[in-house]
Amino acid sequence: MSDPFFFQALGCTLGFDWHSSGLTTTVCGALKEAIIPEELGITVCGGKGRVSKRTPLEIQELADNFSLSSRKIESLKYASRMAAKVDNACLQDGYQLYHHCFVFSEDGDWAVIQQGMHGRLARRYHWLSDGFESFVEEPHSGIISDRHEETVLDMTARDSAEAREVSVDIVRDNPRRLRNYALEARQLSIDEYIADRPKVRTLVMPAGHAIPTLTEHTMVALRKAYEIQPENYEELVAIRGIGPRAVRALALVSTLIYGKPPSWKDPAKFSFAHGGKDGIPYPVDRRTYAKTAEMIESATREAKIGGKEKIRALRRLQRFL
């Protein structure tokens, strides 16, 4: 379930022969309806829209069937809440979350499948507890999307580590100073918004780079965080009220005042090479498929790998074709 390729293939096996947002909600809904926890040792919680908000309650009810300890149950609830919080606040890619599915086993292992929409485009986020290290640093087992976005505030990237540290320092110091920092940031030269990229210098001025208005609601949350004195970024994000606006404000002040920018690269790792969300089965375009195969073959032949590995790769490609 945490593997985007497996999940997509499962959806096609169940009857979805094109890639649409409905595949995600239908597969999760079908599994939730069909799986009997006592027989298989796994269970599915959450779903689409309002149903997703019942996830903590469903975890509590279903975990009792597995005789999990109260401590383990609370950790499952925390994982569900943090996965949703991170993909909503720490990964700002323009996709509004509306679906959250939480799967866990009788051993307490878990996976998360959630989805967001941007217009007619969908993006699915996968999480897995196996080998999991952090909720706030590259936590996904995969992200699948129809489109790679040009500008995404990704506070979960390794490149955002210093920005995360500065964000915590700002809150621990005194969030009242954040208003002054924001005002000071507005006085900086437009040159501060110039992004250096290989072979090209581009003026980056998307809406997401503007210093957000620090509403009273945001300031209340930041003052609450100041009182709690979080030890790290995960503790900061876990505080209720710390949402996208607060995360964005802290990240941008970190950039403009402290010179510690976050990552603005889209972390989506998987995208559809052929086909798309058009509502009908995608026709086989032999010319496009042939061109793709030629590109893969050429890249394999030129790859700096061992001879045997290269031959095996070419044979696998030939078998696939």
Protein backbone atom coordinates (compact mmCIF):
# COMPACT_ATOMS: atom_id res chain seq x y z
CA MET A 1 0.00 0.00 0.00
CA SER A 2 2.93 2.32 0.62
CA ASP A 3 4.42 1.61 -2.82
CA PRO A 4 2.91 3.94 -5.48
CA PHE A 5 3.51 1.39 -8.23
CA PHE A 6 1.88 -1.48 -6.36
CA PHE A 7 -1.05 0.68 -5.32
CA GLN A 8 -1.64 1.86 -8.89
CA ALA A 9 -1.39 -1.69 -10.23
CA LEU A 10 -3.83 -2.88 -7.57
CA GLY A 11 -6.29 -0.19 -8.66
CA CYS A 12 -6.03 -1.32 -12.28
CA THR A 13 -6.53 -4.95 -11.22
CA LEU A 14 -9.70 -3.97 -9.39
CA GLY A 15 -11.09 -2.44 -12.56
CA PHE A 16 -9.69 1.08 -12.95
CA ASP A 17 -7.99 1.06 -16.35
CA TRP A 18 -7.07 4.74 -16.35
CA HIS A 19 -5.27 6.97 -13.88
CA SER A 20 -7.67 9.23 -12.03
CA SER A 21 -8.16 10.58 -8.53
CA GLY A 22 -11.08 8.19 -8.14
CA LEU A 23 -8.73 5.22 -8.16
CA THR A 24 -7.29 6.21 -4.79
CA THR A 25 -10.58 6.72 -2.99
CA THR A 26 -12.20 3.64 -4.53
CA VAL A 27 -9.32 1.26 -3.77
CA CYS A 28 -9.08 2.43 -0.16
CA GLY A 29 -12.87 2.32 0.24
CA ALA A 30 -13.09 -1.17 -1.23
CA LEU A 31 -10.35 -2.49 1.05
CA LYS A 32 -11.93 -0.87 4.09
CA GLU A 33 -15.25 -2.51 3.24
CA ALA A 34 -13.90 -5.94 2.34
CA ILE A 35 -11.08 -6.61 4.81
CA ILE A 36 -12.02 -8.42 8.01
CA PRO A 37 -9.36 -7.42 10.58
CA GLU A 38 -9.68 -10.60 12.66
CA GLU A 39 -8.97 -12.77 9.62
CA LEU A 40 -6.11 -10.89 7.97
CA GLY A 41 -4.51 -9.07 10.90
CA ILE A 42 -4.73 -5.67 9.18
CA THR A 43 -7.35 -2.95 9.15
CA VAL A 44 -8.15 0.21 7.18
CA CYS A 45 -9.27 3.51 8.72
CA GLY A 46 -10.26 6.90 7.38
CA GLY A 47 -11.37 7.79 3.90
CA LYS A 48 -12.59 10.75 1.89
CA GLY A 49 -13.77 14.13 3.20
CA ARG A 50 -15.52 14.05 6.56
CA VAL A 51 -14.83 10.34 6.96
CA SER A 52 -11.11 11.13 7.26
CA LYS A 53 -11.79 13.08 10.46
CA ARG A 54 -13.05 9.90 12.10
CA THR A 55 -9.66 8.22 11.70
CA PRO A 56 -8.52 8.64 15.36
CA LEU A 57 -11.81 7.19 16.62
CA GLU A 58 -11.62 4.28 14.18
CA ILE A 59 -8.02 3.58 15.21
CA GLN A 60 -9.15 3.40 18.85
CA GLU A 61 -12.04 1.07 18.06
CA LEU A 62 -10.19 -1.25 15.68
CA ALA A 63 -6.95 -1.38 17.70
CA ASP A 64 -8.91 -2.95 20.55
CA ASN A 65 -9.49 -5.97 18.27
CA PHE A 66 -5.73 -6.49 18.13
CA SER A 67 -5.24 -5.99 21.89
CA LEU A 68 -2.69 -3.25 21.29
CA SER A 69 -1.45 -1.33 24.31
CA SER A 70 -2.80 2.14 24.99
CA ARG A 71 0.68 3.52 24.33
CA LYS A 72 0.78 1.87 20.90
CA ILE A 73 -2.70 3.12 20.08
CA GLU A 74 -1.68 6.69 20.91
CA SER A 75 1.40 6.35 18.71
CA LEU A 76 -0.83 5.22 15.82
CA LYS A 77 -3.12 8.22 16.33
CA TYR A 78 -0.06 10.47 16.42
CA ALA A 79 1.28 8.99 13.18
CA SER A 80 -2.06 9.56 11.46
CA ARG A 81 -2.31 13.15 12.66
CA MET A 82 1.30 14.03 11.84
CA ALA A 83 1.16 12.55 8.35
CA ALA A 84 -1.83 14.74 7.57
CA LYS A 85 -0.25 17.77 9.27
CA VAL A 86 3.06 17.45 7.43
CA ASP A 87 1.51 17.05 3.97
CA ASN A 88 -0.77 20.01 4.66
CA ALA A 89 1.62 22.44 6.35
CA CYS A 90 5.23 21.39 5.76
CA LEU A 91 4.84 20.37 2.14
CA GLN A 92 3.11 23.29 0.42
CA ASP A 93 2.68 22.21 -3.18
CA GLY A 94 -0.76 23.64 -3.93
CA TYR A 95 -2.63 20.34 -3.54
CA GLN A 96 -5.48 20.48 -1.00
CA LEU A 97 -5.77 17.27 0.99
CA TYR A 98 -9.21 15.68 1.00
CA HIS A 99 -8.48 11.98 1.49
CA HIS A 100 -6.64 10.28 4.35
CA CYS A 101 -6.42 6.50 4.69
CA PHE A 102 -4.56 4.89 7.59
CA VAL A 103 -3.74 1.17 7.44
CA PHE A 104 -2.25 -0.70 10.39
CA SER A 105 -1.53 -4.28 11.38
CA GLU A 106 -1.95 -6.35 14.52
CA ASP A 107 1.79 -5.78 15.14
CA GLY A 108 1.35 -2.00 15.10
CA ASP A 109 2.96 -1.41 11.69
CA TRP A 110 1.24 1.26 9.62
CA ALA A 111 0.97 2.92 6.22
CA VAL A 112 -0.72 6.13 5.09
CA ILE A 113 -2.25 6.89 1.71
CA GLN A 114 -3.56 10.42 1.32
CA GLN A 115 -4.46 12.52 -1.68
CA GLY A 116 -4.81 16.17 -2.58
CA MET A 117 -6.32 18.03 -5.52
CA HIS A 118 -5.11 21.06 -7.47
CA GLY A 119 -7.87 21.94 -9.93
CA ARG A 120 -8.44 18.70 -11.85
CA LEU A 121 -5.01 17.29 -11.00
CA ALA A 122 -4.47 14.81 -8.18
CA ARG A 123 -1.39 14.00 -6.11
CA ARG A 124 -1.04 10.99 -3.83
CA TYR A 125 1.27 10.73 -0.82
CA HIS A 126 2.48 7.39 0.59
CA TRP A 127 4.00 6.74 4.03
CA LEU A 128 5.36 3.57 5.67
CA SER A 129 6.39 2.84 9.25
CA ASP A 130 9.00 0.24 8.24
CA GLY A 131 12.40 1.92 8.49
CA PHE A 132 10.72 5.20 9.37
CA GLU A 133 13.05 7.78 10.91
CA SER A 134 11.39 11.21 10.98
CA PHE A 135 8.06 12.89 10.34
CA VAL A 136 9.74 16.09 9.21
CA GLU A 137 12.67 14.93 7.07
CA GLU A 138 11.89 13.10 3.84
CA PRO A 139 9.24 10.89 5.46
CA HIS A 140 7.47 9.65 2.31
CA SER A 141 7.86 6.23 0.77
CA GLY A 142 6.63 7.80 -2.45
CA ILE A 143 4.72 10.71 -3.98
CA ILE A 144 2.89 10.24 -7.26
CA SER A 145 1.63 13.09 -9.39
CA ASP A 146 0.45 13.94 -12.90
CA ARG A 147 2.66 17.01 -12.93
CA HIS A 148 5.94 18.18 -11.45
CA GLU A 149 5.41 21.64 -9.91
CA GLU A 150 7.95 24.41 -10.50
CA THR A 151 7.86 25.87 -6.98
CA VAL A 152 7.05 23.92 -3.81
CA LEU A 153 7.89 24.89 -0.24
CA ASP A 154 9.27 21.61 1.08
CA MET A 155 10.25 21.90 4.72
CA THR A 156 10.71 18.11 4.83
CA ALA A 157 13.69 18.15 2.45
CA ARG A 158 17.18 17.53 3.78
CA ASP A 159 18.13 20.85 2.19
CA SER A 160 15.64 22.51 4.58
CA ALA A 161 17.40 21.27 7.73
CA GLU A 162 18.89 24.66 8.63
CA ALA A 163 15.60 26.43 7.91
CA ARG A 164 13.86 24.03 10.29
CA GLU A 165 16.42 24.73 13.01
CA VAL A 166 16.08 28.50 12.57
CA SER A 167 12.27 28.22 12.67
CA VAL A 168 12.50 26.52 16.06
CA ASP A 169 15.00 29.11 17.32
CA ILE A 170 12.71 31.98 16.28
CA VAL A 171 9.77 30.47 18.17
CA ARG A 172 11.85 29.65 21.25
CA ASP A 173 13.27 33.18 21.30
CA ASN A 174 10.10 35.26 21.08
CA PRO A 175 7.52 35.16 18.28
CA ARG A 176 6.62 38.83 18.88
CA ARG A 177 9.79 39.70 17.01
CA LEU A 178 8.44 37.89 13.98
CA ARG A 179 6.32 40.90 13.01
CA ASN A 180 9.42 43.11 13.01
CA TYR A 181 11.33 40.52 11.00
CA ALA A 182 8.55 40.41 8.43
CA LEU A 183 8.53 44.19 8.13
CA GLU A 184 12.31 44.23 7.77
CA ALA A 185 12.11 41.52 5.12
CA ARG A 186 9.78 43.68 3.03
CA GLN A 187 12.49 46.36 2.82
CA LEU A 188 15.05 44.08 1.20
CA SER A 189 16.08 44.54 -2.40
CA ILE A 190 14.37 42.51 -5.09
CA ASP A 191 17.79 40.97 -5.71
CA GLU A 192 17.15 38.86 -2.60
CA TYR A 193 14.51 37.00 -4.58
CA ILE A 194 16.88 36.06 -7.39
CA ALA A 195 17.34 32.29 -7.44
CA ASP A 196 20.63 30.88 -8.70
CA ARG A 197 20.16 27.86 -10.89
CA PRO A 198 22.59 26.00 -13.13
CA LYS A 199 23.27 28.01 -16.32
CA VAL A 200 20.34 30.36 -15.72
CA ARG A 201 19.38 33.05 -13.25
CA THR A 202 15.63 33.37 -12.91
CA LEU A 203 13.55 35.90 -11.05
CA VAL A 204 11.29 33.80 -8.83
CA MET A 205 8.28 35.73 -7.60
CA PRO A 206 5.40 33.23 -7.15
CA ALA A 207 2.60 33.98 -4.72
CA GLY A 208 4.09 31.57 -2.19
CA HIS A 209 7.20 33.71 -1.72
CA ALA A 210 5.34 36.73 -0.42
CA ILE A 211 5.67 37.37 3.33
CA PRO A 212 2.33 36.09 4.64
CA THR A 213 0.14 38.29 6.78
CA LEU A 214 0.64 37.32 10.40
CA THR A 215 -2.96 37.08 11.51
CA GLU A 216 -3.92 37.11 15.16
CA HIS A 217 -4.78 33.42 14.90
CA THR A 218 -1.25 32.68 13.66
CA MET A 219 0.30 34.82 16.40
CA VAL A 220 -1.76 33.02 19.06
CA ALA A 221 -0.40 29.70 17.80
CA LEU A 222 3.17 31.03 17.77
CA ARG A 223 2.82 32.41 21.30
CA LYS A 224 1.52 29.00 22.39
CA ALA A 225 4.57 27.41 20.79
CA TYR A 226 6.80 29.89 22.63
CA GLU A 227 5.26 28.86 25.95
CA ILE A 228 5.76 25.16 25.14
CA GLN A 229 9.38 25.72 24.00
CA PRO A 230 9.58 22.87 21.45
CA GLU A 231 12.90 21.01 21.35
CA ASN A 232 12.81 20.36 17.61
CA TYR A 233 10.85 20.99 14.42
CA GLU A 234 8.62 17.95 14.81
CA GLU A 235 7.49 19.16 18.21
CA LEU A 236 6.84 22.60 16.73
CA VAL A 237 4.72 21.25 13.86
CA ALA A 238 2.81 18.95 16.22
CA ILE A 239 1.46 21.93 18.17
CA ARG A 240 -2.19 22.57 17.34
CA GLY A 241 -2.60 25.84 15.46
CA ILE A 242 0.78 25.72 13.74
CA GLY A 243 -0.47 25.50 10.17
CA PRO A 244 0.68 26.38 6.65
CA ARG A 245 0.73 30.14 7.30
CA ALA A 246 2.93 29.88 10.39
CA VAL A 247 5.27 27.38 8.72
CA ARG A 248 5.57 29.64 5.67
CA ALA A 249 6.20 32.77 7.74
CA LEU A 250 8.96 31.09 9.74
CA ALA A 251 10.56 29.62 6.61
CA LEU A 252 10.64 32.90 4.73
CA VAL A 253 11.99 34.88 7.67
CA SER A 254 14.64 32.18 8.00
CA THR A 255 15.57 32.90 4.39
CA LEU A 256 15.47 36.69 4.35
CA ILE A 257 16.84 37.49 7.81
CA TYR A 258 19.10 34.55 8.62
CA GLY A 259 20.10 33.48 5.13
CA LYS A 260 18.93 29.90 5.68
CA PRO A 261 16.54 29.12 2.83
CA PRO A 262 14.30 26.06 2.70
CA SER A 263 13.97 23.82 -0.33
CA TRP A 264 11.68 25.05 -3.10
CA LYS A 265 11.98 21.85 -5.15
CA ASP A 266 9.04 19.55 -5.75
CA PRO A 267 9.70 16.24 -3.89
CA ALA A 268 7.30 14.26 -6.09
CA LYS A 269 9.19 11.10 -7.01
CA PHE A 270 6.83 9.37 -9.41
CA SER A 271 4.82 10.74 -12.30
CA PHE A 272 2.80 9.28 -15.14
CA ALA A 273 4.94 9.08 -18.26
CA HIS A 274 2.08 7.94 -20.47
CA GLY A 275 -1.60 8.60 -20.00
CA GLY A 276 -3.27 10.98 -17.65
CA LYS A 277 -6.43 12.05 -15.89
CA ASP A 278 -8.83 12.33 -18.81
CA GLY A 279 -11.68 10.19 -17.50
CA ILE A 280 -11.42 7.52 -20.20
CA PRO A 281 -9.00 4.64 -20.82
CA TYR A 282 -5.83 6.05 -22.35
CA PRO A 283 -5.22 4.74 -25.91
CA VAL A 284 -1.95 2.98 -26.68
CA ASP A 285 0.35 5.45 -28.44
CA ARG A 286 2.89 3.12 -30.05
CA ARG A 287 5.11 5.94 -31.30
CA THR A 288 5.46 7.47 -27.81
CA TYR A 289 6.10 4.09 -26.20
CA ALA A 290 8.72 3.23 -28.84
CA LYS A 291 10.48 6.56 -28.31
CA THR A 292 10.54 6.00 -24.56
CA ALA A 293 11.99 2.51 -25.02
CA GLU A 294 14.72 3.93 -27.29
CA MET A 295 15.61 6.55 -24.68
CA ILE A 296 15.86 3.92 -21.93
CA GLU A 297 17.98 1.65 -24.14
CA SER A 298 20.30 4.49 -25.09
CA ALA A 299 20.68 5.62 -21.47
CA THR A 300 21.43 2.04 -20.40
CA ARG A 301 24.11 1.56 -23.06
CA GLU A 302 25.82 4.81 -22.07
CA ALA A 303 25.50 4.23 -18.32
CA LYS A 304 28.73 3.89 -16.36
CA ILE A 305 27.96 0.46 -14.94
CA GLY A 306 29.49 -2.98 -15.25
CA GLY A 307 29.16 -4.96 -18.48
CA LYS A 308 27.13 -7.74 -16.90
CA GLU A 309 24.74 -5.29 -15.23
CA LYS A 310 24.28 -3.49 -18.54
CA ILE A 311 23.50 -6.73 -20.41
CA ARG A 312 21.00 -7.80 -17.74
CA ALA A 313 19.29 -4.41 -17.86
CA LEU A 314 18.99 -4.56 -21.64
CA ARG A 315 17.57 -8.08 -21.43
CA ARG A 316 14.98 -6.97 -18.85
CA LEU A 317 13.98 -4.11 -21.13
CA GLN A 318 13.67 -6.49 -24.09
CA ARG A 319 11.50 -8.91 -22.09
CA PHE A 320 9.27 -6.06 -20.99
CA LEU A 321 8.82 -4.83 -24.56
